[in-house]
Amino acid sequence: MSENEQSVFHALLHPDDMYTADGTYWADLKLGQRVKFVTSVDAKEAREEASFFWNMFKKDPLEPIRHYFRTCVIPGAGLGLEGSVVIY
């Protein structure tokens, strides 16, 4: 494999949110290291999500509400409808 292909496979098989920088799986860490790793990954994801919604809000203050309805409410309503059809 070329170096580019190896880097793609490494990124797919060893994602940053599951493995430490030295390649250790998060669940194989000692308890203290595990807690530190999980809280750091959680904080990073929370910052990215807050940044995403803040940029959305700056563009249009109602966009986060529209996004919520498009990604959560409407698909959830579809699941509810499908469930009621299966029951009856």
PDB file of N, CA and C in Angstrom:
ATOM      1  N   MET A   1       0.837  -1.186   0.000  1.00  0.00           N
ATOM      2  CA  MET A   1       0.000   0.000   0.000  1.00  0.00           C
ATOM      3  C   MET A   1       0.881   1.248   0.000  1.00  0.00           C
ATOM      4  N   SER A   2       0.348   2.269  -0.602  1.00  0.00           N
ATOM      5  CA  SER A   2       1.072   3.539  -0.585  1.00  0.00           C
ATOM      6  C   SER A   2       0.911   4.196   0.785  1.00  0.00           C
ATOM      7  N   GLU A   3       1.705   5.198   1.032  1.00  0.00           N
ATOM      8  CA  GLU A   3       1.641   5.894   2.322  1.00  0.00           C
ATOM      9  C   GLU A   3       0.290   6.580   2.511  1.00  0.00           C
ATOM     10  N   ASN A   4      -0.280   7.106   1.447  1.00  0.00           N
ATOM     11  CA  ASN A   4      -1.587   7.753   1.512  1.00  0.00           C
ATOM     12  C   ASN A   4      -2.674   6.745   1.894  1.00  0.00           C
ATOM     13  N   GLU A   5      -2.631   5.560   1.277  1.00  0.00           N
ATOM     14  CA  GLU A   5      -3.616   4.529   1.602  1.00  0.00           C
ATOM     15  C   GLU A   5      -3.464   4.067   3.047  1.00  0.00           C
ATOM     16  N   GLN A   6      -2.223   3.931   3.512  1.00  0.00           N
ATOM     17  CA  GLN A   6      -1.992   3.529   4.894  1.00  0.00           C
ATOM     18  C   GLN A   6      -2.550   4.550   5.875  1.00  0.00           C
ATOM     19  N   SER A   7      -2.397   5.834   5.565  1.00  0.00           N
ATOM     20  CA  SER A   7      -2.919   6.867   6.461  1.00  0.00           C
ATOM     21  C   SER A   7      -4.443   6.841   6.507  1.00  0.00           C
ATOM     22  N   VAL A   8      -5.083   6.544   5.370  1.00  0.00           N
ATOM     23  CA  VAL A   8      -6.546   6.455   5.343  1.00  0.00           C
ATOM     24  C   VAL A   8      -7.016   5.273   6.186  1.00  0.00           C
ATOM     25  N   PHE A   9      -6.392   4.115   6.013  1.00  0.00           N
ATOM     26  CA  PHE A   9      -6.774   2.947   6.795  1.00  0.00           C
ATOM     27  C   PHE A   9      -6.491   3.145   8.280  1.00  0.00           C
ATOM     28  N   HIS A  10      -5.387   3.828   8.596  1.00  0.00           N
ATOM     29  CA  HIS A  10      -5.082   4.084  10.001  1.00  0.00           C
ATOM     30  C   HIS A  10      -6.161   4.980  10.624  1.00  0.00           C
ATOM     31  N   ALA A  11      -6.604   5.986   9.884  1.00  0.00           N
ATOM     32  CA  ALA A  11      -7.649   6.881  10.395  1.00  0.00           C
ATOM     33  C   ALA A  11      -8.972   6.138  10.574  1.00  0.00           C
ATOM     34  N   LEU A  12      -9.268   5.182   9.695  1.00  0.00           N
ATOM     35  CA  LEU A  12     -10.509   4.415   9.815  1.00  0.00           C
ATOM     36  C   LEU A  12     -10.450   3.392  10.947  1.00  0.00           C
ATOM     37  N   LEU A  13      -9.315   2.755  11.111  1.00  0.00           N
ATOM     38  CA  LEU A  13      -9.192   1.683  12.098  1.00  0.00           C
ATOM     39  C   LEU A  13      -8.816   2.178  13.491  1.00  0.00           C
ATOM     40  N   HIS A  14      -8.230   3.365  13.582  1.00  0.00           N
ATOM     41  CA  HIS A  14      -7.808   3.917  14.871  1.00  0.00           C
ATOM     42  C   HIS A  14      -8.296   5.359  15.012  1.00  0.00           C
ATOM     43  N   PRO A  15      -9.604   5.568  15.183  1.00  0.00           N
ATOM     44  CA  PRO A  15     -10.116   6.940  15.302  1.00  0.00           C
ATOM     45  C   PRO A  15      -9.604   7.626  16.567  1.00  0.00           C
ATOM     46  N   ASP A  16      -9.472   8.938  16.500  1.00  0.00           N
ATOM     47  CA  ASP A  16      -8.917   9.719  17.604  1.00  0.00           C
ATOM     48  C   ASP A  16      -9.749   9.635  18.871  1.00  0.00           C
ATOM     49  N   ASP A  17     -11.046   9.383  18.743  1.00  0.00           N
ATOM     50  CA  ASP A  17     -11.883   9.349  19.935  1.00  0.00           C
ATOM     51  C   ASP A  17     -11.935   7.975  20.590  1.00  0.00           C
ATOM     52  N   MET A  18     -11.158   7.013  20.100  1.00  0.00           N
ATOM     53  CA  MET A  18     -11.133   5.689  20.709  1.00  0.00           C
ATOM     54  C   MET A  18      -9.726   5.248  21.119  1.00  0.00           C
ATOM     55  N   TYR A  19      -8.710   5.851  20.543  1.00  0.00           N
ATOM     56  CA  TYR A  19      -7.335   5.462  20.806  1.00  0.00           C
ATOM     57  C   TYR A  19      -6.523   6.671  21.258  1.00  0.00           C
ATOM     58  N   THR A  20      -5.593   6.448  22.171  1.00  0.00           N
ATOM     59  CA  THR A  20      -4.701   7.514  22.610  1.00  0.00           C
ATOM     60  C   THR A  20      -3.672   7.781  21.523  1.00  0.00           C
ATOM     61  N   ALA A  21      -2.846   8.798  21.735  1.00  0.00           N
ATOM     62  CA  ALA A  21      -1.824   9.158  20.753  1.00  0.00           C
ATOM     63  C   ALA A  21      -0.821   8.025  20.537  1.00  0.00           C
ATOM     64  N   ASP A  22      -0.567   7.213  21.570  1.00  0.00           N
ATOM     65  CA  ASP A  22       0.381   6.106  21.416  1.00  0.00           C
ATOM     66  C   ASP A  22      -0.282   4.822  20.917  1.00  0.00           C
ATOM     67  N   GLY A  23      -1.586   4.853  20.596  1.00  0.00           N
ATOM     68  CA  GLY A  23      -2.279   3.727  19.998  1.00  0.00           C
ATOM     69  C   GLY A  23      -2.945   2.782  20.978  1.00  0.00           C
ATOM     70  N   THR A  24      -3.119   3.188  22.222  1.00  0.00           N
ATOM     71  CA  THR A  24      -3.775   2.343  23.215  1.00  0.00           C
ATOM     72  C   THR A  24      -5.276   2.589  23.174  1.00  0.00           C
ATOM     73  N   TYR A  25      -6.043   1.487  23.158  1.00  0.00           N
ATOM     74  CA  TYR A  25      -7.503   1.578  23.163  1.00  0.00           C
ATOM     75  C   TYR A  25      -7.950   2.145  24.506  1.00  0.00           C
ATOM     76  N   TRP A  26      -8.956   3.007  24.502  1.00  0.00           N
ATOM     77  CA  TRP A  26      -9.345   3.727  25.719  1.00  0.00           C
ATOM     78  C   TRP A  26      -9.761   2.797  26.849  1.00  0.00           C
ATOM     79  N   ALA A  27     -10.399   1.672  26.548  1.00  0.00           N
ATOM     80  CA  ALA A  27     -10.858   0.765  27.599  1.00  0.00           C
ATOM     81  C   ALA A  27      -9.718  -0.041  28.208  1.00  0.00           C
ATOM     82  N   ASP A  28      -8.559  -0.050  27.570  1.00  0.00           N
ATOM     83  CA  ASP A  28      -7.403  -0.760  28.101  1.00  0.00           C
ATOM     84  C   ASP A  28      -6.575   0.101  29.051  1.00  0.00           C
ATOM     85  N   LEU A  29      -6.950   1.365  29.205  1.00  0.00           N
ATOM     86  CA  LEU A  29      -6.221   2.254  30.105  1.00  0.00           C
ATOM     87  C   LEU A  29      -6.597   1.972  31.553  1.00  0.00           C
ATOM     88  N   LYS A  30      -5.738   2.401  32.460  1.00  0.00           N
ATOM     89  CA  LYS A  30      -6.075   2.314  33.882  1.00  0.00           C
ATOM     90  C   LYS A  30      -7.203   3.302  34.158  1.00  0.00           C
ATOM     91  N   LEU A  31      -7.892   3.116  35.250  1.00  0.00           N
ATOM     92  CA  LEU A  31      -9.105   3.886  35.535  1.00  0.00           C
ATOM     93  C   LEU A  31      -8.860   5.397  35.496  1.00  0.00           C
ATOM     94  N   GLY A  32      -7.825   5.875  36.138  1.00  0.00           N
ATOM     95  CA  GLY A  32      -7.547   7.313  36.145  1.00  0.00           C
ATOM     96  C   GLY A  32      -7.254   7.854  34.762  1.00  0.00           C
ATOM     97  N   GLN A  33      -6.461   7.112  33.986  1.00  0.00           N
ATOM     98  CA  GLN A  33      -6.149   7.530  32.620  1.00  0.00           C
ATOM     99  C   GLN A  33      -7.395   7.462  31.740  1.00  0.00           C
ATOM    100  N   ARG A  34      -8.225   6.453  31.986  1.00  0.00           N
ATOM    101  CA  ARG A  34      -9.454   6.295  31.209  1.00  0.00           C
ATOM    102  C   ARG A  34     -10.387   7.480  31.429  1.00  0.00           C
ATOM    103  N   VAL A  35     -10.564   7.871  32.683  1.00  0.00           N
ATOM    104  CA  VAL A  35     -11.434   9.006  32.998  1.00  0.00           C
ATOM    105  C   VAL A  35     -10.886  10.275  32.361  1.00  0.00           C
ATOM    106  N   LYS A  36      -9.591  10.475  32.435  1.00  0.00           N
ATOM    107  CA  LYS A  36      -8.971  11.663  31.839  1.00  0.00           C
ATOM    108  C   LYS A  36      -9.166  11.670  30.321  1.00  0.00           C
ATOM    109  N   PHE A  37      -8.976  10.513  29.678  1.00  0.00           N
ATOM    110  CA  PHE A  37      -9.137  10.421  28.232  1.00  0.00           C
ATOM    111  C   PHE A  37     -10.575  10.696  27.822  1.00  0.00           C
ATOM    112  N   VAL A  38     -11.522  10.062  28.508  1.00  0.00           N
ATOM    113  CA  VAL A  38     -12.935  10.216  28.145  1.00  0.00           C
ATOM    114  C   VAL A  38     -13.398  11.656  28.362  1.00  0.00           C
ATOM    115  N   THR A  39     -12.995  12.288  29.451  1.00  0.00           N
ATOM    116  CA  THR A  39     -13.406  13.674  29.683  1.00  0.00           C
ATOM    117  C   THR A  39     -12.774  14.619  28.675  1.00  0.00           C
ATOM    118  N   SER A  40     -11.544  14.341  28.239  1.00  0.00           N
ATOM    119  CA  SER A  40     -10.923  15.210  27.233  1.00  0.00           C
ATOM    120  C   SER A  40     -11.616  15.074  25.882  1.00  0.00           C
ATOM    121  N   VAL A  41     -11.970  13.846  25.497  1.00  0.00           N
ATOM    122  CA  VAL A  41     -12.691  13.634  24.233  1.00  0.00           C
ATOM    123  C   VAL A  41     -14.071  14.274  24.309  1.00  0.00           C
ATOM    124  N   ASP A  42     -14.746  14.122  25.447  1.00  0.00           N
ATOM    125  CA  ASP A  42     -16.067  14.713  25.632  1.00  0.00           C
ATOM    126  C   ASP A  42     -16.010  16.238  25.561  1.00  0.00           C
ATOM    127  N   ALA A  43     -15.013  16.835  26.194  1.00  0.00           N
ATOM    128  CA  ALA A  43     -14.876  18.295  26.166  1.00  0.00           C
ATOM    129  C   ALA A  43     -14.598  18.796  24.757  1.00  0.00           C
ATOM    130  N   LYS A  44     -13.762  18.060  24.014  1.00  0.00           N
ATOM    131  CA  LYS A  44     -13.455  18.457  22.633  1.00  0.00           C
ATOM    132  C   LYS A  44     -14.716  18.422  21.775  1.00  0.00           C
ATOM    133  N   GLU A  45     -15.501  17.354  21.890  1.00  0.00           N
ATOM    134  CA  GLU A  45     -16.737  17.235  21.116  1.00  0.00           C
ATOM    135  C   GLU A  45     -17.751  18.307  21.516  1.00  0.00           C
ATOM    136  N   ALA A  46     -17.831  18.615  22.799  1.00  0.00           N
ATOM    137  CA  ALA A  46     -18.761  19.652  23.260  1.00  0.00           C
ATOM    138  C   ALA A  46     -18.374  21.013  22.703  1.00  0.00           C
ATOM    139  N   ARG A  47     -17.069  21.312  22.662  1.00  0.00           N
ATOM    140  CA  ARG A  47     -16.615  22.584  22.077  1.00  0.00           C
ATOM    141  C   ARG A  47     -16.962  22.665  20.596  1.00  0.00           C
ATOM    142  N   GLU A  48     -16.733  21.561  19.872  1.00  0.00           N
ATOM    143  CA  GLU A  48     -17.049  21.555  18.442  1.00  0.00           C
ATOM    144  C   GLU A  48     -18.550  21.726  18.194  1.00  0.00           C
ATOM    145  N   GLU A  49     -19.359  21.060  18.997  1.00  0.00           N
ATOM    146  CA  GLU A  49     -20.809  21.176  18.838  1.00  0.00           C
ATOM    147  C   GLU A  49     -21.291  22.585  19.172  1.00  0.00           C
ATOM    148  N   ALA A  50     -20.765  23.167  20.243  1.00  0.00           N
ATOM    149  CA  ALA A  50     -21.149  24.533  20.611  1.00  0.00           C
ATOM    150  C   ALA A  50     -20.728  25.516  19.528  1.00  0.00           C
ATOM    151  N   SER A  51     -19.553  25.322  18.960  1.00  0.00           N
ATOM    152  CA  SER A  51     -19.081  26.185  17.880  1.00  0.00           C
ATOM    153  C   SER A  51     -19.983  26.062  16.650  1.00  0.00           C
ATOM    154  N   PHE A  52     -20.382  24.827  16.336  1.00  0.00           N
ATOM    155  CA  PHE A  52     -21.270  24.587  15.204  1.00  0.00           C
ATOM    156  C   PHE A  52     -22.593  25.336  15.376  1.00  0.00           C
ATOM    157  N   PHE A  53     -23.202  25.205  16.565  1.00  0.00           N
ATOM    158  CA  PHE A  53     -24.483  25.868  16.797  1.00  0.00           C
ATOM    159  C   PHE A  53     -24.331  27.380  16.902  1.00  0.00           C
ATOM    160  N   TRP A  54     -23.217  27.859  17.445  1.00  0.00           N
ATOM    161  CA  TRP A  54     -23.016  29.303  17.532  1.00  0.00           C
ATOM    162  C   TRP A  54     -22.875  29.898  16.134  1.00  0.00           C
ATOM    163  N   ASN A  55     -22.115  29.243  15.261  1.00  0.00           N
ATOM    164  CA  ASN A  55     -21.985  29.735  13.889  1.00  0.00           C
ATOM    165  C   ASN A  55     -23.325  29.695  13.170  1.00  0.00           C
ATOM    166  N   MET A  56     -24.124  28.667  13.419  1.00  0.00           N
ATOM    167  CA  MET A  56     -25.452  28.564  12.843  1.00  0.00           C
ATOM    168  C   MET A  56     -26.337  29.704  13.354  1.00  0.00           C
ATOM    169  N   PHE A  57     -26.251  29.990  14.654  1.00  0.00           N
ATOM    170  CA  PHE A  57     -27.053  31.046  15.261  1.00  0.00           C
ATOM    171  C   PHE A  57     -26.654  32.423  14.738  1.00  0.00           C
ATOM    172  N   LYS A  58     -25.339  32.639  14.539  1.00  0.00           N
ATOM    173  CA  LYS A  58     -24.885  33.930  14.015  1.00  0.00           C
ATOM    174  C   LYS A  58     -25.402  34.171  12.612  1.00  0.00           C
ATOM    175  N   LYS A  59     -25.488  33.096  11.810  1.00  0.00           N
ATOM    176  CA  LYS A  59     -25.978  33.240  10.445  1.00  0.00           C
ATOM    177  C   LYS A  59     -27.467  33.579  10.437  1.00  0.00           C
ATOM    178  N   ASP A  60     -28.243  32.856  11.260  1.00  0.00           N
ATOM    179  CA  ASP A  60     -29.678  33.076  11.364  1.00  0.00           C
ATOM    180  C   ASP A  60     -30.129  32.575  12.736  1.00  0.00           C
ATOM    181  N   PRO A  61     -30.678  33.447  13.582  1.00  0.00           N
ATOM    182  CA  PRO A  61     -31.033  33.032  14.942  1.00  0.00           C
ATOM    183  C   PRO A  61     -32.058  31.903  15.019  1.00  0.00           C
ATOM    184  N   LEU A  62     -32.848  31.696  13.991  1.00  0.00           N
ATOM    185  CA  LEU A  62     -33.839  30.615  14.019  1.00  0.00           C
ATOM    186  C   LEU A  62     -33.317  29.308  13.418  1.00  0.00           C
ATOM    187  N   GLU A  63     -32.140  29.347  12.841  1.00  0.00           N
ATOM    188  CA  GLU A  63     -31.604  28.142  12.194  1.00  0.00           C
ATOM    189  C   GLU A  63     -31.405  26.965  13.152  1.00  0.00           C
ATOM    190  N   PRO A  64     -30.945  27.171  14.401  1.00  0.00           N
ATOM    191  CA  PRO A  64     -30.842  26.007  15.297  1.00  0.00           C
ATOM    192  C   PRO A  64     -32.180  25.310  15.539  1.00  0.00           C
ATOM    193  N   ILE A  65     -33.258  26.071  15.590  1.00  0.00           N
ATOM    194  CA  ILE A  65     -34.581  25.469  15.781  1.00  0.00           C
ATOM    195  C   ILE A  65     -34.980  24.673  14.542  1.00  0.00           C
ATOM    196  N   ARG A  66     -34.727  25.261  13.368  1.00  0.00           N
ATOM    197  CA  ARG A  66     -35.020  24.531  12.130  1.00  0.00           C
ATOM    198  C   ARG A  66     -34.193  23.255  12.040  1.00  0.00           C
ATOM    199  N   HIS A  67     -32.930  23.355  12.405  1.00  0.00           N
ATOM    200  CA  HIS A  67     -32.042  22.190  12.390  1.00  0.00           C
ATOM    201  C   HIS A  67     -32.568  21.098  13.323  1.00  0.00           C
ATOM    202  N   TYR A  68     -32.988  21.483  14.505  1.00  0.00           N
ATOM    203  CA  TYR A  68     -33.540  20.521  15.467  1.00  0.00           C
ATOM    204  C   TYR A  68     -34.769  19.815  14.904  1.00  0.00           C
ATOM    205  N   PHE A  69     -35.668  20.579  14.291  1.00  0.00           N
ATOM    206  CA  PHE A  69     -36.869  19.964  13.732  1.00  0.00           C
ATOM    207  C   PHE A  69     -36.536  19.052  12.560  1.00  0.00           C
ATOM    208  N   ARG A  70     -35.589  19.480  11.694  1.00  0.00           N
ATOM    209  CA  ARG A  70     -35.215  18.652  10.535  1.00  0.00           C
ATOM    210  C   ARG A  70     -34.519  17.362  10.941  1.00  0.00           C
ATOM    211  N   THR A  71     -33.677  17.408  11.980  1.00  0.00           N
ATOM    212  CA  THR A  71     -32.866  16.240  12.315  1.00  0.00           C
ATOM    213  C   THR A  71     -33.441  15.393  13.445  1.00  0.00           C
ATOM    214  N   CYS A  72     -34.321  15.935  14.267  1.00  0.00           N
ATOM    215  CA  CYS A  72     -34.828  15.175  15.422  1.00  0.00           C
ATOM    216  C   CYS A  72     -36.336  14.970  15.395  1.00  0.00           C
ATOM    217  N   VAL A  73     -37.087  16.028  15.236  1.00  0.00           N
ATOM    218  CA  VAL A  73     -38.544  15.944  15.375  1.00  0.00           C
ATOM    219  C   VAL A  73     -39.177  15.200  14.211  1.00  0.00           C
ATOM    220  N   ILE A  74     -38.865  15.581  12.996  1.00  0.00           N
ATOM    221  CA  ILE A  74     -39.505  14.953  11.828  1.00  0.00           C
ATOM    222  C   ILE A  74     -39.125  13.470  11.705  1.00  0.00           C
ATOM    223  N   PRO A  75     -37.830  13.095  11.816  1.00  0.00           N
ATOM    224  CA  PRO A  75     -37.535  11.657  11.788  1.00  0.00           C
ATOM    225  C   PRO A  75     -38.193  10.898  12.947  1.00  0.00           C
ATOM    226  N   GLY A  76     -38.277  11.499  14.110  1.00  0.00           N
ATOM    227  CA  GLY A  76     -38.930  10.851  15.244  1.00  0.00           C
ATOM    228  C   GLY A  76     -40.406  10.650  15.009  1.00  0.00           C
ATOM    229  N   ALA A  77     -41.043  11.632  14.374  1.00  0.00           N
ATOM    230  CA  ALA A  77     -42.469  11.493  14.054  1.00  0.00           C
ATOM    231  C   ALA A  77     -42.671  10.365  13.053  1.00  0.00           C
ATOM    232  N   GLY A  78     -41.744  10.232  12.114  1.00  0.00           N
ATOM    233  CA  GLY A  78     -41.844   9.136  11.145  1.00  0.00           C
ATOM    234  C   GLY A  78     -41.743   7.784  11.821  1.00  0.00           C
ATOM    235  N   LEU A  79     -40.854   7.666  12.790  1.00  0.00           N
ATOM    236  CA  LEU A  79     -40.738   6.407  13.525  1.00  0.00           C
ATOM    237  C   LEU A  79     -42.005   6.128  14.312  1.00  0.00           C
ATOM    238  N   GLY A  80     -42.602   7.164  14.893  1.00  0.00           N
ATOM    239  CA  GLY A  80     -43.841   6.987  15.633  1.00  0.00           C
ATOM    240  C   GLY A  80     -44.981   6.547  14.725  1.00  0.00           C
ATOM    241  N   LEU A  81     -45.063   7.132  13.530  1.00  0.00           N
ATOM    242  CA  LEU A  81     -46.104   6.735  12.587  1.00  0.00           C
ATOM    243  C   LEU A  81     -45.920   5.291  12.167  1.00  0.00           C
ATOM    244  N   GLU A  82     -44.682   4.921  11.869  1.00  0.00           N
ATOM    245  CA  GLU A  82     -44.422   3.554  11.448  1.00  0.00           C
ATOM    246  C   GLU A  82     -44.768   2.576  12.557  1.00  0.00           C
ATOM    247  N   GLY A  83     -44.456   2.925  13.787  1.00  0.00           N
ATOM    248  CA  GLY A  83     -44.781   2.054  14.905  1.00  0.00           C
ATOM    249  C   GLY A  83     -46.271   1.885  15.093  1.00  0.00           C
ATOM    250  N   SER A  84     -47.037   2.966  14.874  1.00  0.00           N
ATOM    251  CA  SER A  84     -48.484   2.852  15.043  1.00  0.00           C
ATOM    252  C   SER A  84     -49.096   2.022  13.926  1.00  0.00           C
ATOM    253  N   VAL A  85     -48.533   2.054  12.729  1.00  0.00           N
ATOM    254  CA  VAL A  85     -49.043   1.250  11.628  1.00  0.00           C
ATOM    255  C   VAL A  85     -48.778  -0.226  11.915  1.00  0.00           C
ATOM    256  N   VAL A  86     -47.619  -0.541  12.469  1.00  0.00           N
ATOM    257  CA  VAL A  86     -47.290  -1.931  12.765  1.00  0.00           C
ATOM    258  C   VAL A  86     -48.207  -2.496  13.853  1.00  0.00           C
ATOM    259  N   ILE A  87     -48.565  -1.665  14.836  1.00  0.00           N
ATOM    260  CA  ILE A  87     -49.407  -2.105  15.945  1.00  0.00           C
ATOM    261  C   ILE A  87     -50.820  -2.406  15.457  1.00  0.00           C
ATOM    262  N   TYR A  88     -51.372  -1.564  14.597  1.00  0.00           N
ATOM    263  CA  TYR A  88     -52.761  -1.730  14.144  1.00  0.00           C
ATOM    264  C   TYR A  88     -52.746  -2.590  12.951  1.00  0.00           C
TER     265      TYR A  88
END
